[in-house]
Amino acid sequence: MPRYATIITGDDGFEVVSAIGEFEGAAPRARLGRVEAVAPGVLIGMVRDASGGFCFPPAGIDSRAVGLAMAKLKARAGAAKPAARPKRGKRAG
């Protein structure tokens, strides 16, 4: 039986395999993205590479990871500051 994958375009512009199924007869209709026949080794989460095949995205730093790390560092910096001493009022003379 031929394998078909639903291909969607992610926020980063890559074409991602979101679902895979085996169907007899005609190819299924696409509800979201598009459907195309794929090889047996293709798995959910793979992206289309420059040669037109599928591979997993390279493990690297994406913008979401950078944003989370920056937020954690800012939160730590705010918590590490010592409490300021209260200001004394002027004495009545």
Protein backbone atom coordinates (compact mmCIF):
# COMPACT_ATOMS: atom_id res chain seq x y z
CA MET A 1 0.00 0.00 0.00
CA PRO A 2 1.31 3.46 -0.79
CA ARG A 3 2.11 5.81 2.08
CA TYR A 4 0.82 9.36 1.97
CA ALA A 5 1.92 12.28 4.12
CA THR A 6 0.21 15.56 4.90
CA ILE A 7 2.71 18.36 4.32
CA ILE A 8 2.20 21.73 6.01
CA THR A 9 4.31 24.88 5.97
CA GLY A 10 5.60 25.85 9.40
CA ASP A 11 6.06 29.34 10.82
CA ASP A 12 9.73 29.24 9.83
CA GLY A 13 8.87 28.50 6.18
CA PHE A 14 9.92 24.83 6.19
CA GLU A 15 7.60 22.16 4.79
CA VAL A 16 6.91 19.73 7.66
CA VAL A 17 5.38 16.23 7.64
CA SER A 18 2.41 16.44 10.00
CA ALA A 19 0.67 13.10 9.40
CA ILE A 20 1.33 9.82 7.59
CA GLY A 21 -1.06 7.08 6.56
CA GLU A 22 -1.35 4.09 4.25
CA PHE A 23 -4.34 4.11 1.92
CA GLU A 24 -5.61 1.71 -0.70
CA GLY A 25 -6.81 3.14 -3.96
CA ALA A 26 -6.79 6.87 -4.60
CA ALA A 27 -4.86 9.33 -2.49
CA PRO A 28 -6.78 10.96 0.38
CA ARG A 29 -8.05 14.51 0.07
CA ALA A 30 -6.12 17.18 1.91
CA ARG A 31 -7.97 19.17 4.56
CA LEU A 32 -4.95 21.16 5.70
CA GLY A 33 -1.78 21.54 3.66
CA ARG A 34 -1.29 19.07 0.83
CA VAL A 35 -0.96 15.30 0.49
CA GLU A 36 1.78 13.49 -1.39
CA ALA A 37 3.19 9.97 -1.60
CA VAL A 38 6.31 9.42 0.54
CA ALA A 39 8.97 6.73 0.97
CA PRO A 40 8.74 4.19 3.83
CA GLY A 41 11.50 5.90 5.86
CA VAL A 42 9.72 9.27 6.17
CA LEU A 43 8.50 10.06 9.70
CA ILE A 44 6.28 12.71 11.29
CA GLY A 45 8.26 15.86 12.10
CA MET A 46 10.69 15.60 9.20
CA VAL A 47 11.23 18.67 7.00
CA ARG A 48 11.89 18.90 3.28
CA ASP A 49 15.57 19.48 2.54
CA ALA A 50 17.18 21.30 -0.39
CA SER A 51 17.31 18.15 -2.56
CA GLY A 52 13.57 17.55 -2.22
CA GLY A 53 13.87 14.65 0.24
CA PHE A 54 12.97 14.64 3.91
CA CYS A 55 15.19 14.84 6.97
CA PHE A 56 14.96 15.97 10.57
CA PRO A 57 15.85 19.63 11.11
CA PRO A 58 19.39 20.21 12.34
CA ALA A 59 19.67 20.60 16.09
CA GLY A 60 20.42 24.25 16.56
CA ILE A 61 19.33 27.26 18.47
CA ASP A 62 16.01 28.65 17.34
CA SER A 63 14.47 31.99 18.23
CA ARG A 64 12.08 30.47 20.78
CA ALA A 65 14.95 28.92 22.74
CA VAL A 66 16.82 32.23 22.75
CA GLY A 67 13.74 34.09 23.98
CA LEU A 68 13.20 31.61 26.81
CA ALA A 69 16.84 31.79 27.88
CA MET A 70 16.77 35.60 27.89
CA ALA A 71 13.59 35.63 29.98
CA LYS A 72 15.15 33.29 32.54
CA LEU A 73 18.29 35.43 32.77
CA LYS A 74 16.26 38.59 33.25
CA ALA A 75 14.17 36.94 35.97
CA ARG A 76 17.31 35.78 37.79
CA ALA A 77 18.90 39.22 37.54
CA GLY A 78 15.82 40.82 39.08
CA ALA A 79 15.67 38.31 41.93
CA ALA A 80 19.39 38.56 42.72
CA LYS A 81 19.34 42.29 43.47
CA PRO A 82 19.58 43.02 47.20
CA ALA A 83 16.68 44.84 48.76
CA ALA A 84 17.28 48.58 48.99
CA ARG A 85 17.33 50.12 52.47
CA PRO A 86 14.33 52.28 53.17
CA LYS A 87 15.03 56.00 52.98
CA ARG A 88 14.86 57.93 56.21
CA GLY A 89 12.57 60.87 56.46
CA LYS A 90 13.76 64.31 57.48
CA ARG A 91 13.80 65.01 61.20
CA ALA A 92 11.56 67.68 62.43
CA GLY A 93 13.62 70.54 63.82
